[in-house]
């Protein structure tokens, strides 16, 4: 999330608006969401949409109710990325 926050900040300095910026978290990264509440809050305030992969949450036994309400749970994070790509969004994997 730190990289996303820095990227959004740099983009805002170089362009007038950012229409949509989303971080889709899959795999083990979902286990760190509750440990980084301050970053989740900062990302939300910066206009970054946060999505967590429901399959990953299930794998690591994390309930949706355990996450911040600022995080949207999607059934499958990879399908979410494919959907964004089909809509013309640029995606990267970190």
Protein backbone atom coordinates (compact mmCIF):
# COMPACT_ATOMS: atom_id res chain seq x y z
CA UNK A 1 0.00 0.00 0.00
CA UNK A 2 2.92 2.33 0.60
CA UNK A 3 3.91 2.09 -3.07
CA UNK A 4 0.32 2.79 -4.15
CA UNK A 5 0.13 5.85 -1.90
CA UNK A 6 3.39 7.25 -3.28
CA UNK A 7 2.29 6.53 -6.84
CA UNK A 8 -1.05 8.30 -6.42
CA UNK A 9 0.70 11.28 -4.84
CA UNK A 10 3.14 11.51 -7.76
CA UNK A 11 0.33 11.11 -10.30
CA UNK A 12 -1.68 13.90 -8.67
CA UNK A 13 1.34 16.20 -8.92
CA UNK A 14 1.76 15.41 -12.64
CA UNK A 15 -1.88 15.32 -13.76
CA UNK A 16 -5.08 17.07 -12.83
CA UNK A 17 -7.22 14.08 -11.91
CA UNK A 18 -7.04 10.36 -11.36
CA UNK A 19 -10.28 8.75 -12.40
CA UNK A 20 -9.72 5.37 -10.82
CA UNK A 21 -6.91 3.75 -8.87
CA UNK A 22 -7.48 0.35 -7.35
CA UNK A 23 -5.28 -2.04 -5.43
CA UNK A 24 -6.41 -5.66 -5.61
CA UNK A 25 -4.84 -7.78 -2.89
CA UNK A 26 -4.49 -11.49 -3.46
CA UNK A 27 -2.65 -14.33 -1.78
CA UNK A 28 -0.75 -13.89 1.45
CA UNK A 29 -0.93 -10.08 1.25
CA UNK A 30 -4.50 -10.25 2.61
CA UNK A 31 -3.10 -11.46 5.95
CA UNK A 32 -1.46 -8.08 6.49
CA UNK A 33 -4.56 -5.94 5.96
CA UNK A 34 -5.55 -5.75 9.62
CA UNK A 35 -1.96 -5.02 10.65
CA UNK A 36 -1.90 -1.92 8.46
CA UNK A 37 -5.08 -0.08 9.44
CA UNK A 38 -3.35 3.32 9.18
CA UNK A 39 -2.23 2.60 5.59
CA UNK A 40 -5.71 1.36 4.68
CA UNK A 41 -7.16 4.59 6.03
CA UNK A 42 -4.58 6.73 4.17
CA UNK A 43 -5.21 4.86 0.93
CA UNK A 44 -8.96 5.35 1.24
CA UNK A 45 -8.49 9.06 1.96
CA UNK A 46 -6.25 9.34 -1.11
CA UNK A 47 -9.03 7.92 -3.28
CA UNK A 48 -7.52 4.48 -3.72
CA UNK A 49 -10.09 1.72 -3.95
CA UNK A 50 -9.01 -1.35 -2.02
CA UNK A 51 -10.20 -4.82 -3.01
CA UNK A 52 -9.38 -8.10 -1.33
CA UNK A 53 -9.65 -11.50 -2.97
CA UNK A 54 -12.37 -13.55 -1.32
CA UNK A 55 -10.63 -16.81 -2.21
CA UNK A 56 -7.46 -15.61 -0.47
CA UNK A 57 -9.42 -14.54 2.58
CA UNK A 58 -10.98 -18.00 2.75
CA UNK A 59 -7.60 -19.68 2.34
CA UNK A 60 -6.17 -17.75 5.28
CA UNK A 61 -9.37 -18.01 7.37
CA UNK A 62 -10.06 -14.28 7.42
CA UNK A 63 -13.70 -13.26 7.62
CA UNK A 64 -15.02 -10.27 5.67
CA UNK A 65 -16.29 -8.86 8.96
CA UNK A 66 -12.71 -8.74 10.25
CA UNK A 67 -11.68 -6.24 7.58
CA UNK A 68 -12.10 -2.52 7.47
CA UNK A 69 -15.27 -1.38 5.74
CA UNK A 70 -12.96 0.57 3.41
CA UNK A 71 -11.94 -2.75 1.79
CA UNK A 72 -14.27 -4.29 -0.78
CA UNK A 73 -14.16 -8.06 -0.98
CA UNK A 74 -14.33 -9.46 -4.50
CA UNK A 75 -14.99 -13.17 -5.08
CA UNK A 76 -11.75 -13.69 -7.02
CA UNK A 77 -8.97 -11.09 -7.21
CA UNK A 78 -7.53 -12.36 -10.48
CA UNK A 79 -10.91 -12.19 -12.18
CA UNK A 80 -11.23 -8.63 -10.86
CA UNK A 81 -7.90 -7.79 -12.52
CA UNK A 82 -9.03 -9.39 -15.79
CA UNK A 83 -12.26 -7.35 -15.63
CA UNK A 84 -10.29 -4.14 -15.12
CA UNK A 85 -8.03 -5.01 -18.06
CA UNK A 86 -11.07 -5.63 -20.27
CA UNK A 87 -12.34 -2.18 -19.30
CA UNK A 88 -9.10 -0.67 -20.54
CA UNK A 89 -7.35 -0.19 -17.22
CA UNK A 90 -3.62 -0.71 -16.93
CA UNK A 91 -2.63 -3.29 -14.35
CA UNK A 92 0.63 -4.20 -12.67
CA UNK A 93 1.54 -6.94 -10.25
CA UNK A 94 3.83 -6.34 -7.30
